[in-house]
Protein backbone atom coordinates (compact mmCIF):
# COMPACT_ATOMS: atom_id res chain seq x y z
CA UNK A 1 90.90 100.23 96.98
CA UNK A 2 91.54 102.70 93.95
CA UNK A 3 94.59 104.13 93.39
CA UNK A 4 95.57 107.46 91.64
CA UNK A 5 98.47 108.89 91.30
CA UNK A 6 98.70 112.93 91.19
CA UNK A 7 101.42 113.68 88.84
CA UNK A 8 102.77 116.51 86.05
CA UNK A 9 103.37 115.93 82.12
CA UNK A 10 106.82 116.21 81.13
CA UNK A 11 105.04 117.35 77.63
CA UNK A 12 102.19 120.42 78.63
CA UNK A 13 103.34 120.84 82.04
CA UNK A 14 99.99 119.64 83.56
CA UNK A 15 99.50 118.20 87.11
CA UNK A 16 96.91 115.08 86.35
CA UNK A 17 95.18 112.00 88.45
CA UNK A 18 95.59 109.19 87.00
CA UNK A 19 94.95 104.88 87.81
CA UNK A 20 97.76 103.02 89.05
CA UNK A 21 98.47 99.83 90.02
CA UNK A 22 99.61 98.43 93.66
CA UNK A 23 101.45 95.45 92.11
CA UNK A 24 102.47 96.67 88.90
CA UNK A 25 106.33 96.32 87.57
CA UNK A 26 108.48 98.44 87.79
CA UNK A 27 109.04 101.05 85.59
CA UNK A 28 105.26 101.65 86.05
CA UNK A 29 104.22 104.18 82.39
CA UNK A 30 100.99 105.56 82.10
CA UNK A 31 100.28 108.59 79.51
CA UNK A 32 98.87 111.93 79.89
CA UNK A 33 94.81 112.60 79.38
CA UNK A 34 95.85 116.44 78.54
CA UNK A 35 98.80 115.32 75.73
CA UNK A 36 98.74 111.51 75.32
CA UNK A 37 102.44 111.93 76.78
CA UNK A 38 104.02 108.71 78.40
CA UNK A 39 105.61 109.19 80.91
CA UNK A 40 106.32 106.86 84.36
CA UNK A 41 107.58 105.83 88.11
CA UNK A 42 111.18 104.05 87.99
CA UNK A 43 113.14 104.80 90.55
CA UNK A 44 112.39 101.89 94.05
CA UNK A 45 112.07 104.24 96.65
CA UNK A 46 108.83 105.92 95.56
CA UNK A 47 107.53 101.97 94.90
CA UNK A 48 107.96 101.02 97.89
CA UNK A 49 107.01 104.49 99.37
CA UNK A 50 103.67 103.51 97.91
CA UNK A 51 103.76 100.52 98.62
CA UNK A 52 103.85 101.01 101.98
CA UNK A 53 100.87 104.02 102.07
CA UNK A 54 98.80 100.86 100.51
CA UNK A 55 99.56 98.85 103.28
CA UNK A 56 98.57 101.33 106.16
CA UNK A 57 95.30 102.31 103.89
CA UNK A 58 94.19 98.66 103.58
CA UNK A 59 94.72 97.86 107.56
CA UNK A 60 92.90 100.67 108.49
CA UNK A 61 89.81 98.50 106.15
CA UNK A 62 90.26 96.15 107.94
CA UNK A 63 90.98 97.06 110.94
CA UNK A 64 86.93 98.79 110.48
CA UNK A 65 85.14 96.29 113.98
CA UNK A 66 87.61 98.85 115.97
CA UNK A 67 87.98 101.85 114.08
CA UNK A 68 83.82 102.68 113.86
CA UNK A 69 83.49 102.54 117.65
CA UNK A 70 86.37 105.04 118.43
CA UNK A 71 87.00 109.01 117.31
CA UNK A 72 89.93 111.67 117.12
CA UNK A 73 89.86 114.15 119.77
CA UNK A 74 90.46 117.95 118.54
CA UNK A 75 90.86 121.10 120.22
CA UNK A 76 88.73 123.67 119.28
CA UNK A 77 89.26 126.77 121.71
CA UNK A 78 88.77 125.34 124.93
CA UNK A 79 86.40 122.53 124.12
CA UNK A 80 87.05 119.34 122.85
CA UNK A 81 85.28 118.25 119.75
CA UNK A 82 84.92 113.53 119.20
CA UNK A 83 85.53 112.90 115.00
CA UNK A 84 84.64 109.75 114.43
CA UNK A 85 86.74 107.55 112.30
CA UNK A 86 84.10 106.01 110.49
CA UNK A 87 83.18 110.10 109.08
CA UNK A 88 86.88 110.34 108.91
CA UNK A 89 87.74 107.76 106.52
CA UNK A 90 84.52 108.42 104.65
CA UNK A 91 84.03 111.78 104.09
CA UNK A 92 87.54 113.13 103.23
CA UNK A 93 90.35 111.23 100.51
CA UNK A 94 93.48 110.26 102.16
CA UNK A 95 96.53 111.71 100.39
CA UNK A 96 101.04 111.30 100.57
CA UNK A 97 102.48 113.97 99.43
CA UNK A 98 106.65 113.06 98.45
CA UNK A 99 109.10 114.22 97.05
CA UNK A 100 112.05 112.24 95.33
CA UNK A 101 114.87 114.19 93.99
CA UNK A 102 113.06 117.20 92.36
CA UNK A 103 110.19 115.72 91.49
CA UNK A 104 106.79 116.14 94.04
CA UNK A 105 104.39 112.43 94.29
CA UNK A 106 101.26 113.16 96.05
CA UNK A 107 99.13 109.21 95.29
CA UNK A 108 95.23 109.39 96.97
CA UNK A 109 92.98 107.03 97.49
CA UNK A 110 89.42 107.23 99.18
CA UNK A 111 89.38 104.71 102.23
CA UNK A 112 85.70 103.65 102.99
CA UNK A 113 84.28 101.42 106.12
């Protein structure tokens, strides 16, 4: 599974998606692909939330046998539409948005079953 963080660069203020290694030690440092400025994350709370999100995604992958035959029902007007989990997990990326202090973070991944 690949993970990336979408962060606003402190120098050029552009949102950039940068790869994230779940097992990386804090502080986690990266470079802005636009201007090259180094920036990072050193929040233990953010690291904890990221690891929980990764564990959730890992559990989804490990539950493929159950989820591949399951679906979610959504009511559209008076009709029920069933969406297979397999379709949801392969067609859409999962995004986890957090706010710690005044900073906003977006963590995204794509799970394929």
